[in-house]
Amino acid sequence: MGTATAEQLETLPGVGPVLAAAIIAYRTENGGFRSVDQLREVRGIGDRRFEDLRELVRP
């Protein structure tokens, strides 16, 4: 998450080009991720998607 490219993010379950772009935009605007829980703040990541991703990513 912290340095992943859009292409790398798109390999995660439920992450396509739009969501990958949103994750990168959030990362850029907020100086990165300090915790995986911050993924919940990205538009398009709800509880279910967060649960799918939580164990697969790190800040």
C-alpha atoms as a PDB file:
ATOM      1  CA  MET A   1       0.000   0.000   0.000  1.00  0.00           C
ATOM      2  CA  GLY A   2       2.704   2.416   1.002  1.00  0.00           C
ATOM      3  CA  THR A   3       4.641   2.216  -2.254  1.00  0.00           C
ATOM      4  CA  ALA A   4       2.551  -0.067  -4.448  1.00  0.00           C
ATOM      5  CA  THR A   5       1.899   0.944  -8.024  1.00  0.00           C
ATOM      6  CA  ALA A   6      -1.589   0.994  -9.494  1.00  0.00           C
ATOM      7  CA  GLU A   7      -0.799  -2.257 -11.271  1.00  0.00           C
ATOM      8  CA  GLN A   8       0.256  -3.922  -8.018  1.00  0.00           C
ATOM      9  CA  LEU A   9      -2.833  -2.685  -6.188  1.00  0.00           C
ATOM     10  CA  GLU A  10      -5.048  -4.057  -8.949  1.00  0.00           C
ATOM     11  CA  THR A  11      -3.860  -7.575  -8.146  1.00  0.00           C
ATOM     12  CA  LEU A  12      -5.691  -7.361  -4.813  1.00  0.00           C
ATOM     13  CA  PRO A  13      -9.227  -8.790  -4.589  1.00  0.00           C
ATOM     14  CA  GLY A  14     -11.869  -6.214  -5.476  1.00  0.00           C
ATOM     15  CA  VAL A  15      -9.372  -3.531  -6.515  1.00  0.00           C
ATOM     16  CA  GLY A  16      -9.657  -2.262 -10.061  1.00  0.00           C
ATOM     17  CA  PRO A  17      -8.231   0.821 -11.760  1.00  0.00           C
ATOM     18  CA  VAL A  18     -10.628   3.288 -10.113  1.00  0.00           C
ATOM     19  CA  LEU A  19     -10.047   2.028  -6.591  1.00  0.00           C
ATOM     20  CA  ALA A  20      -6.297   1.750  -7.154  1.00  0.00           C
ATOM     21  CA  ALA A  21      -6.293   5.402  -8.240  1.00  0.00           C
ATOM     22  CA  ALA A  22      -8.297   6.358  -5.129  1.00  0.00           C
ATOM     23  CA  ILE A  23      -5.811   4.548  -2.876  1.00  0.00           C
ATOM     24  CA  ILE A  24      -2.874   6.305  -4.546  1.00  0.00           C
ATOM     25  CA  ALA A  25      -4.641   9.679  -4.352  1.00  0.00           C
ATOM     26  CA  TYR A  26      -5.337   9.188  -0.647  1.00  0.00           C
ATOM     27  CA  ARG A  27      -1.728   8.163  -0.073  1.00  0.00           C
ATOM     28  CA  THR A  28      -0.452  11.236  -1.916  1.00  0.00           C
ATOM     29  CA  GLU A  29      -2.832  13.684  -0.243  1.00  0.00           C
ATOM     30  CA  ASN A  30      -2.234  12.351   3.272  1.00  0.00           C
ATOM     31  CA  GLY A  31       1.476  11.621   3.221  1.00  0.00           C
ATOM     32  CA  GLY A  32       1.029   7.866   3.073  1.00  0.00           C
ATOM     33  CA  PHE A  33      -0.631   5.346   5.323  1.00  0.00           C
ATOM     34  CA  ARG A  34       0.391   5.001   8.957  1.00  0.00           C
ATOM     35  CA  SER A  35      -1.864   2.012   9.539  1.00  0.00           C
ATOM     36  CA  VAL A  36      -3.897  -0.468   7.523  1.00  0.00           C
ATOM     37  CA  ASP A  37      -7.035   0.868   9.239  1.00  0.00           C
ATOM     38  CA  GLN A  38      -6.685   4.083   7.233  1.00  0.00           C
ATOM     39  CA  LEU A  39      -7.851   2.122   4.188  1.00  0.00           C
ATOM     40  CA  ARG A  40     -11.364   2.619   5.582  1.00  0.00           C
ATOM     41  CA  GLU A  41     -10.984   6.330   4.791  1.00  0.00           C
ATOM     42  CA  VAL A  42     -10.495   5.683   1.064  1.00  0.00           C
ATOM     43  CA  ARG A  43     -13.656   6.248  -0.927  1.00  0.00           C
ATOM     44  CA  GLY A  44     -14.881   2.911  -2.258  1.00  0.00           C
ATOM     45  CA  ILE A  45     -13.566   0.772   0.582  1.00  0.00           C
ATOM     46  CA  GLY A  46     -16.362  -0.350   2.811  1.00  0.00           C
ATOM     47  CA  ASP A  47     -16.354  -2.837   5.652  1.00  0.00           C
ATOM     48  CA  ARG A  48     -16.499  -5.927   3.472  1.00  0.00           C
ATOM     49  CA  ARG A  49     -13.736  -4.860   1.099  1.00  0.00           C
ATOM     50  CA  PHE A  50     -11.616  -3.751   4.047  1.00  0.00           C
ATOM     51  CA  GLU A  51     -11.964  -7.205   5.604  1.00  0.00           C
ATOM     52  CA  ASP A  52     -10.879  -8.784   2.303  1.00  0.00           C
ATOM     53  CA  LEU A  53      -7.794  -6.565   2.120  1.00  0.00           C
ATOM     54  CA  ARG A  54      -6.748  -6.156   5.740  1.00  0.00           C
ATOM     55  CA  GLU A  55      -4.535  -9.234   5.940  1.00  0.00           C
ATOM     56  CA  LEU A  56      -3.064  -8.749   2.455  1.00  0.00           C
ATOM     57  CA  VAL A  57      -1.602  -5.243   2.816  1.00  0.00           C
ATOM     58  CA  ARG A  58       0.632  -3.257   5.093  1.00  0.00           C
ATOM     59  CA  PRO A  59       1.132   0.510   5.435  1.00  0.00           C
END
